Every structure is written in C-alpha cells, then in structure tokens.
N, C-alpha and C. Protein backbone atom coordinates (compact mmCIF):
# COMPACT_ATOMS: atom_id res chain seq x y z
N UNK A 1 69.91 71.35 7.02
CA UNK A 1 69.12 70.87 8.10
C UNK A 1 68.56 71.99 8.81
N UNK A 2 67.18 71.68 9.10
CA UNK A 2 66.42 72.82 9.84
C UNK A 2 66.66 72.72 11.19
N UNK A 3 66.63 73.93 11.96
CA UNK A 3 66.85 73.93 13.37
C UNK A 3 65.59 73.41 14.01
N UNK A 4 65.91 72.88 15.24
CA UNK A 4 64.71 72.33 16.16
C UNK A 4 63.76 73.52 16.45
N UNK A 5 62.57 73.14 16.73
CA UNK A 5 61.56 74.05 17.08
C UNK A 5 61.06 73.59 18.56
N UNK A 6 60.47 74.51 19.28
CA UNK A 6 59.99 74.15 20.57
C UNK A 6 58.64 73.38 20.43
N UNK A 7 58.33 72.51 21.32
CA UNK A 7 57.04 71.86 21.22
C UNK A 7 55.88 72.82 21.78
N UNK A 8 54.76 72.50 21.63
CA UNK A 8 53.50 73.24 21.93
C UNK A 8 53.58 73.32 23.43
N UNK A 9 53.81 72.29 24.23
CA UNK A 9 53.96 72.55 25.56
C UNK A 9 55.00 73.45 26.08
N UNK A 10 56.17 73.37 25.33
CA UNK A 10 57.29 74.26 25.77
C UNK A 10 56.81 75.69 25.52
N UNK A 11 56.25 75.98 24.49
CA UNK A 11 55.66 77.37 24.00
C UNK A 11 54.74 77.82 25.14
N UNK A 12 53.84 77.02 25.64
CA UNK A 12 53.00 77.44 26.61
C UNK A 12 53.58 77.72 27.92
N UNK A 13 54.50 76.82 28.35
CA UNK A 13 55.25 77.04 29.59
C UNK A 13 56.24 78.25 29.58
N UNK A 14 56.75 78.39 28.33
CA UNK A 14 57.70 79.54 28.17
C UNK A 14 56.80 80.86 28.41
N UNK A 15 55.62 80.91 27.83
CA UNK A 15 54.76 82.22 28.01
C UNK A 15 54.59 82.40 29.48
N UNK A 16 54.03 81.16 30.25
CA UNK A 16 53.66 81.41 31.59
C UNK A 16 55.04 81.77 32.35
N UNK A 17 56.13 81.14 32.22
CA UNK A 17 57.40 81.60 32.88
C UNK A 17 57.52 83.15 32.67
N UNK A 18 57.54 83.60 31.49
CA UNK A 18 57.78 85.04 31.07
C UNK A 18 56.68 85.82 31.84
N UNK A 19 55.52 85.46 31.89
CA UNK A 19 54.56 86.39 32.77
C UNK A 19 54.96 86.34 34.25
N UNK A 20 55.19 85.19 34.76
CA UNK A 20 55.66 85.13 36.21
C UNK A 20 56.76 86.02 36.44
N UNK A 21 57.84 85.98 35.72
CA UNK A 21 59.04 86.72 35.83
C UNK A 21 58.70 88.22 35.62
N UNK A 22 58.00 88.52 34.62
CA UNK A 22 57.59 90.04 34.56
C UNK A 22 56.66 90.55 35.59
N UNK A 23 55.97 89.67 36.20
CA UNK A 23 55.15 90.13 37.40
C UNK A 23 55.91 90.54 38.58
N UNK A 24 57.11 89.93 38.76
CA UNK A 24 58.09 90.41 39.83
C UNK A 24 59.13 91.40 39.22
N UNK A 25 58.81 91.77 37.97
CA UNK A 25 59.67 92.98 37.41
C UNK A 25 61.18 92.51 37.10
N UNK A 26 61.41 91.14 36.81
CA UNK A 26 62.71 90.74 36.44
C UNK A 26 62.75 90.71 34.92
N UNK A 27 63.96 91.29 34.37
CA UNK A 27 64.20 91.28 33.05
C UNK A 27 64.50 89.73 32.54
N UNK A 28 64.26 89.60 31.46
CA UNK A 28 64.67 88.28 30.72
C UNK A 28 65.67 88.59 29.93
N UNK A 29 66.99 88.16 30.28
CA UNK A 29 68.29 88.35 29.64
C UNK A 29 68.73 87.71 28.51
N UNK A 30 68.41 86.34 28.58
CA UNK A 30 68.69 85.47 27.44
C UNK A 30 67.68 84.32 27.33
N UNK A 31 67.53 83.91 26.23
CA UNK A 31 66.50 82.72 25.87
C UNK A 31 67.32 81.84 24.74
N UNK A 32 67.40 80.55 24.99
CA UNK A 32 68.17 79.83 24.11
C UNK A 32 67.52 78.37 23.94
N UNK A 33 67.32 78.00 22.77
CA UNK A 33 66.82 76.53 22.60
C UNK A 33 68.06 75.68 22.27
N UNK A 34 68.29 74.73 23.22
CA UNK A 34 69.50 73.79 23.08
C UNK A 34 69.20 72.73 21.94
N UNK A 35 69.90 72.73 20.88
CA UNK A 35 69.51 71.91 19.75
C UNK A 35 69.94 70.45 20.09
N UNK A 36 70.81 70.14 20.96
CA UNK A 36 71.21 68.89 21.43
C UNK A 36 70.05 68.22 22.24
N UNK A 37 69.43 68.92 23.19
CA UNK A 37 68.56 68.28 24.10
C UNK A 37 67.20 68.94 23.82
N UNK A 38 66.87 69.80 23.11
CA UNK A 38 65.70 70.45 22.76
C UNK A 38 64.93 71.07 23.97
N UNK A 39 65.95 71.51 24.96
CA UNK A 39 65.45 72.32 25.97
C UNK A 39 65.45 73.90 25.91
N UNK A 40 64.55 74.62 26.46
CA UNK A 40 64.68 75.96 26.42
C UNK A 40 65.34 76.43 27.63
N UNK A 41 66.35 77.25 27.53
CA UNK A 41 67.10 77.88 28.71
C UNK A 41 66.76 79.31 28.74
N UNK A 42 66.30 79.86 29.96
CA UNK A 42 65.92 81.27 30.21
C UNK A 42 66.76 81.88 31.35
N UNK A 43 67.41 82.87 31.05
CA UNK A 43 68.17 83.62 32.15
C UNK A 43 67.48 84.94 32.42
N UNK A 44 66.98 85.03 33.70
CA UNK A 44 66.18 86.16 34.27
C UNK A 44 66.90 86.86 35.36
N UNK A 45 66.87 88.10 35.32
CA UNK A 45 67.65 88.84 36.25
C UNK A 45 69.23 88.51 36.16
N UNK A 46 69.84 88.45 37.35
CA UNK A 46 71.24 88.21 37.27
C UNK A 46 71.43 86.66 37.69
N UNK A 47 70.64 86.10 38.39
CA UNK A 47 70.79 84.67 38.81
C UNK A 47 69.86 83.60 38.65
N UNK A 48 68.52 83.85 38.22
CA UNK A 48 67.57 83.07 38.01
C UNK A 48 67.60 82.24 36.69
N UNK A 49 67.77 81.07 36.59
CA UNK A 49 67.88 80.30 35.42
C UNK A 49 66.70 79.31 35.42
N UNK A 50 66.08 79.08 34.25
CA UNK A 50 64.99 78.21 33.94
C UNK A 50 65.28 77.25 32.96
N UNK A 51 64.88 76.15 33.17
CA UNK A 51 65.07 75.02 31.78
C UNK A 51 63.47 74.60 31.74
N UNK A 52 63.10 74.44 30.55
CA UNK A 52 61.91 74.05 30.05
C UNK A 52 62.08 72.83 29.10
N UNK A 53 61.69 71.71 29.57
CA UNK A 53 61.95 70.37 28.84
C UNK A 53 60.90 70.25 27.85
N UNK A 54 61.13 69.41 26.75
CA UNK A 54 60.19 69.17 25.54
C UNK A 54 58.83 68.66 26.11
N UNK A 55 58.79 68.03 27.21
CA UNK A 55 57.30 67.54 27.70
C UNK A 55 56.60 68.63 28.59
N UNK A 56 57.18 69.85 28.63
CA UNK A 56 56.57 70.94 29.21
C UNK A 56 56.96 71.13 30.75
N UNK A 57 57.78 70.25 31.26
CA UNK A 57 58.14 70.43 32.72
C UNK A 57 58.95 71.56 32.81
N UNK A 58 58.92 72.37 33.88
CA UNK A 58 59.73 73.66 34.16
C UNK A 58 60.55 73.23 35.34
N UNK A 59 61.87 73.65 35.15
CA UNK A 59 62.75 73.49 36.32
C UNK A 59 63.39 74.86 36.64
N UNK A 60 63.38 75.34 37.81
CA UNK A 60 64.10 76.64 38.17
C UNK A 60 65.38 76.19 38.68
N UNK A 61 66.48 76.75 38.29
CA UNK A 61 67.80 76.42 38.84
C UNK A 61 68.38 77.27 39.78
C-alpha cells in the first residue's frame, strides 16, 4: 500500500505557512502527514501548532 500524499492545495498552503513562520524566525520542529485524515500537522517553535486540511484550509491551534 502506498502512503498518502498531500493535495496540491495542501502543498501550496504548507509553503505559505512555512514562509510566514520563518518571517517571524520560528523554527519548524515537526511536520507530519496524518494518514488517517490526510491532514498536515506542523509544530513550530514550542507551542504553535498548525493543521492543513486536504481542501487547503489552515487552522492555527
């Protein structure tokens, strides 16, 4: 079985999130694609969490 891959919208939003985080000098500590929900999870700094849904919507937790 092949692993899930991010959608084109997720890839674009992930790029924008990374640019925004790097503009405020936050390190990106972890990135994970949840194979069950196909959501991208990003941990930046010590407490900023970001979810990127398959439709490209971004949620800061």
